[in-house]
C-alpha cells in the first residue's frame, strides 16, 4: 500500500468521517444479526459500544461544520464561472446543509449539557436537522443529474476513456446520494425503515465515499 496515498486519504476530513461511518454502520449491522442469533452473545455489546464511540467521534468533529457551508455559499455567490442555475442550486443546497449541521450541532451540544435549553427542544433540533439533510439530498441529486446531462452533451468532445470515467463518477454520485436520502427519509419521518436497513444505506454511502476519496488521494 502506498503510504503517501494513505496519508493523503486520511488527512482529508471527509474521508476520515466516512471511514468512521463505514465502521459505525458495519458494527451496528453485525450487532443486529448477532443479537437475533444469540441475545447473550457478548460481542453484541462490544459492537454496540464501538458503533456509539464512532458516532460520538463523528459528531464531535462535525461541531462548527455549518461555518464551512456558509463560506461555500459566499464563494458561490461571487463565482462568475457558475451558470445562474448552478449558482442558485449551490446556494439552496448549501443553505440546506448549513441548517442540517447547525441543528445537528445544537442537538449534540445539548447531549453534552453544554447547551442549556428545555429538554423538549432536543427532538425539535433532531427533526430540523433531518429536514436540512432531506432537502440537501434532493439538491445534491438534482446536481448529479444536471452534471450527467452536461456530460452527455460533451460526449463527442471527450475521449472514450475520459467519458467512461466521468460517466462512472456520475453513476457513483447518484447511487451515493440515493443511499443518503433513503437514510434521511427515515430520520425526517417520511418513511421508517428497520434499523438494519438504515445502517445498510449508511454503509453503502460510506463505502462509495471512501472509494472516491481513495481514488482522489
Protein backbone atom coordinates (compact mmCIF):
# COMPACT_ATOMS: atom_id res chain seq x y z
CA UNK A 1 0.00 0.00 0.00
CA UNK A 2 1.24 3.48 -0.89
CA UNK A 3 1.93 5.24 2.44
CA UNK A 4 1.67 8.70 0.87
CA UNK A 5 -1.68 7.87 -0.70
CA UNK A 6 -2.95 6.55 2.63
CA UNK A 7 -1.78 9.73 4.36
CA UNK A 8 -3.48 11.93 1.78
CA UNK A 9 -6.66 9.92 2.20
CA UNK A 10 -6.74 10.08 6.00
CA UNK A 11 -5.76 13.75 6.20
CA UNK A 12 -8.96 14.68 4.34
CA UNK A 13 -11.80 15.41 6.80
CA UNK A 14 -14.49 13.92 4.57
CA UNK A 15 -12.58 10.67 4.08
CA UNK A 16 -11.94 10.22 7.81
CA UNK A 17 -15.60 10.88 8.56
CA UNK A 18 -16.74 8.30 6.00
CA UNK A 19 -14.26 5.70 7.26
CA UNK A 20 -15.71 6.19 10.74
CA UNK A 21 -19.23 5.97 9.30
CA UNK A 22 -18.37 2.75 7.46
CA UNK A 23 -17.18 1.01 10.64
CA UNK A 24 -20.04 2.51 12.66
CA UNK A 25 -22.70 1.11 10.32
CA UNK A 26 -20.87 -2.19 9.83
CA UNK A 27 -20.68 -2.67 13.62
CA UNK A 28 -24.39 -1.92 14.02
CA UNK A 29 -25.36 -4.39 11.29
CA UNK A 30 -23.16 -7.10 12.78
CA UNK A 31 -24.53 -6.43 16.28
CA UNK A 32 -28.09 -6.65 14.93
CA UNK A 33 -27.56 -10.10 13.42
CA UNK A 34 -25.61 -11.40 16.41
CA UNK A 35 -28.37 -10.23 18.77
CA UNK A 36 -31.05 -12.03 16.77
CA UNK A 37 -28.90 -15.16 16.65
CA UNK A 38 -27.97 -15.15 20.34
CA UNK A 39 -29.16 -12.37 22.67
CA UNK A 40 -26.48 -13.30 25.20
CA UNK A 41 -23.57 -13.02 22.78
CA UNK A 42 -21.05 -10.66 24.50
CA UNK A 43 -19.91 -9.37 21.12
CA UNK A 44 -23.28 -7.62 20.69
CA UNK A 45 -22.49 -5.18 23.49
CA UNK A 46 -18.91 -4.77 22.28
CA UNK A 47 -20.03 -3.90 18.74
CA UNK A 48 -22.78 -1.58 20.02
CA UNK A 49 -20.30 0.32 22.17
CA UNK A 50 -17.86 0.52 19.27
CA UNK A 51 -20.59 1.93 17.00
CA UNK A 52 -21.53 4.51 19.64
CA UNK A 53 -17.89 5.56 20.03
CA UNK A 54 -17.57 6.02 16.26
CA UNK A 55 -20.82 8.00 16.19
CA UNK A 56 -19.69 10.27 19.05
CA UNK A 57 -16.33 10.87 17.36
CA UNK A 58 -18.06 11.90 14.14
CA UNK A 59 -20.43 14.24 15.98
CA UNK A 60 -17.56 15.88 17.86
CA UNK A 61 -15.58 16.60 14.69
CA UNK A 62 -18.71 17.97 12.99
CA UNK A 63 -19.08 20.80 15.51
CA UNK A 64 -18.80 24.05 13.58
CA UNK A 65 -19.20 22.35 10.21
CA UNK A 66 -22.01 24.78 9.32
CA UNK A 67 -19.38 27.53 9.01
CA UNK A 68 -17.86 25.67 6.05
CA UNK A 69 -21.24 25.65 4.33
CA UNK A 70 -21.55 29.39 4.92
CA UNK A 71 -18.20 30.08 3.24
CA UNK A 72 -19.26 27.87 0.31
CA UNK A 73 -22.43 29.93 -0.10
CA UNK A 74 -20.40 33.16 -0.14
CA UNK A 75 -18.00 31.74 -2.74
CA UNK A 76 -20.87 30.53 -4.95
CA UNK A 77 -22.47 33.97 -4.95
CA UNK A 78 -19.26 35.55 -6.27
CA UNK A 79 -18.14 32.74 -8.60
CA UNK A 80 -18.52 34.04 -12.16
CA UNK A 81 -17.73 30.61 -13.64
CA UNK A 82 -21.07 29.21 -12.50
CA UNK A 83 -24.24 29.46 -14.57
CA UNK A 84 -27.26 31.11 -12.95
CA UNK A 85 -28.82 27.68 -12.39
CA UNK A 86 -25.64 26.27 -10.82
CA UNK A 87 -25.29 29.31 -8.56
CA UNK A 88 -28.86 29.14 -7.26
CA UNK A 89 -28.73 25.37 -6.87
CA UNK A 90 -25.45 25.59 -4.92
CA UNK A 91 -26.80 28.33 -2.66
CA UNK A 92 -30.02 26.43 -1.93
CA UNK A 93 -28.13 23.15 -1.42
CA UNK A 94 -25.53 24.64 0.90
CA UNK A 95 -28.23 26.51 2.84
CA UNK A 96 -29.94 23.19 3.49
CA UNK A 97 -26.66 21.65 4.65
CA UNK A 98 -25.93 24.74 6.77
CA UNK A 99 -29.11 24.16 8.76
CA UNK A 100 -28.52 20.42 8.85
CA UNK A 101 -25.13 20.90 10.53
CA UNK A 102 -26.30 23.80 12.71
CA UNK A 103 -29.23 21.94 14.29
CA UNK A 104 -27.18 18.73 14.46
CA UNK A 105 -24.53 20.66 16.41
CA UNK A 106 -27.20 22.11 18.72
CA UNK A 107 -28.53 18.61 19.41
CA UNK A 108 -25.05 17.28 20.17
CA UNK A 109 -24.14 20.22 22.42
CA UNK A 110 -27.39 19.67 24.33
CA UNK A 111 -26.45 16.00 24.78
CA UNK A 112 -23.11 17.13 26.23
CA UNK A 113 -25.05 19.52 28.53
CA UNK A 114 -23.17 22.46 27.05
CA UNK A 115 -26.37 23.97 25.62
CA UNK A 116 -28.87 24.84 28.35
CA UNK A 117 -32.32 24.60 26.79
CA UNK A 118 -35.55 22.76 27.72
CA UNK A 119 -35.48 19.00 27.05
CA UNK A 120 -38.40 19.41 24.63
CA UNK A 121 -36.07 21.25 22.25
CA UNK A 122 -33.89 18.16 21.60
CA UNK A 123 -36.45 16.35 19.35
CA UNK A 124 -37.03 19.63 17.51
CA UNK A 125 -33.29 20.04 16.89
CA UNK A 126 -33.14 16.49 15.51
CA UNK A 127 -36.18 16.97 13.27
CA UNK A 128 -34.96 20.27 11.83
CA UNK A 129 -31.54 18.75 11.25
CA UNK A 130 -33.18 15.86 9.36
CA UNK A 131 -35.19 18.40 7.34
CA UNK A 132 -31.99 20.08 6.15
CA UNK A 133 -30.49 16.66 5.40
CA UNK A 134 -33.51 15.54 3.35
CA UNK A 135 -33.77 18.69 1.24
CA UNK A 136 -29.99 18.89 0.92
CA UNK A 137 -30.02 15.39 -0.61
CA UNK A 138 -32.70 16.44 -3.10
CA UNK A 139 -30.47 19.31 -4.19
CA UNK A 140 -27.45 17.00 -4.47
CA UNK A 141 -29.40 14.53 -6.64
CA UNK A 142 -30.52 17.42 -8.85
CA UNK A 143 -26.87 18.49 -9.19
CA UNK A 144 -25.79 14.97 -10.17
CA UNK A 145 -28.49 14.73 -12.84
CA UNK A 146 -27.51 18.17 -14.14
CA UNK A 147 -23.85 17.17 -14.32
CA UNK A 148 -24.77 13.93 -16.09
CA UNK A 149 -26.80 15.73 -18.77
CA UNK A 150 -23.90 18.12 -19.35
CA UNK A 151 -21.57 15.13 -19.71
CA UNK A 152 -23.83 13.65 -22.39
CA UNK A 153 -23.63 16.93 -24.32
CA UNK A 154 -19.81 16.79 -24.12
CA UNK A 155 -19.53 13.15 -25.18
CA UNK A 156 -18.28 13.87 -28.70
CA UNK A 157 -15.51 16.16 -27.46
CA UNK A 158 -14.12 13.65 -24.93
CA UNK A 159 -12.00 10.56 -25.43
CA UNK A 160 -13.68 7.23 -24.74
CA UNK A 161 -11.59 6.68 -21.60
CA UNK A 162 -12.33 10.16 -20.24
CA UNK A 163 -16.04 9.88 -20.96
CA UNK A 164 -16.30 6.42 -19.37
CA UNK A 165 -14.50 7.62 -16.23
CA UNK A 166 -16.74 10.68 -15.82
CA UNK A 167 -19.80 8.58 -16.55
CA UNK A 168 -18.74 6.16 -13.81
CA UNK A 169 -18.27 9.04 -11.36
CA UNK A 170 -21.78 10.35 -12.12
CA UNK A 171 -23.24 6.88 -11.57
CA UNK A 172 -21.38 6.55 -8.25
CA UNK A 173 -22.52 10.01 -7.16
CA UNK A 174 -26.15 9.23 -7.96
CA UNK A 175 -26.05 5.93 -6.05
CA UNK A 176 -24.28 7.67 -3.16
CA UNK A 177 -26.93 10.38 -2.95
CA UNK A 178 -29.81 7.91 -3.27
CA UNK A 179 -28.43 5.87 -0.36
CA UNK A 180 -28.07 9.10 1.64
CA UNK A 181 -31.63 10.32 1.01
CA UNK A 182 -33.00 6.87 1.86
CA UNK A 183 -31.35 7.32 5.27
CA UNK A 184 -32.61 10.90 5.56
CA UNK A 185 -36.26 9.94 4.93
CA UNK A 186 -36.05 7.66 7.98
CA UNK A 187 -34.87 10.38 10.36
CA UNK A 188 -37.13 13.03 8.81
CA UNK A 189 -40.11 10.73 9.33
CA UNK A 190 -41.14 10.39 5.68
CA UNK A 191 -40.70 6.61 5.83
CA UNK A 192 -39.42 4.45 8.67
CA UNK A 193 -37.02 1.64 7.75
CA UNK A 194 -35.92 -1.17 10.04
CA UNK A 195 -32.73 -0.27 11.92
CA UNK A 196 -30.53 -2.69 9.96
CA UNK A 197 -31.85 -1.30 6.64
CA UNK A 198 -30.94 2.25 7.71
CA UNK A 199 -27.46 1.06 8.55
CA UNK A 200 -27.17 -0.71 5.19
CA UNK A 201 -27.90 2.57 3.36
CA UNK A 202 -25.33 4.29 5.56
CA UNK A 203 -22.78 1.55 4.90
CA UNK A 204 -23.30 1.83 1.13
CA UNK A 205 -22.96 5.61 1.23
CA UNK A 206 -19.79 5.40 3.31
CA UNK A 207 -18.24 2.75 1.04
CA UNK A 208 -18.84 4.80 -2.12
CA UNK A 209 -17.49 7.95 -0.44
CA UNK A 210 -14.36 6.10 0.74
CA UNK A 211 -13.89 4.57 -2.71
CA UNK A 212 -14.00 8.02 -4.33
CA UNK A 213 -11.84 9.56 -1.62
CA UNK A 214 -9.17 6.88 -2.08
CA UNK A 215 -9.18 7.44 -5.83
CA UNK A 216 -8.63 11.19 -5.34
CA UNK A 217 -5.84 10.74 -2.79
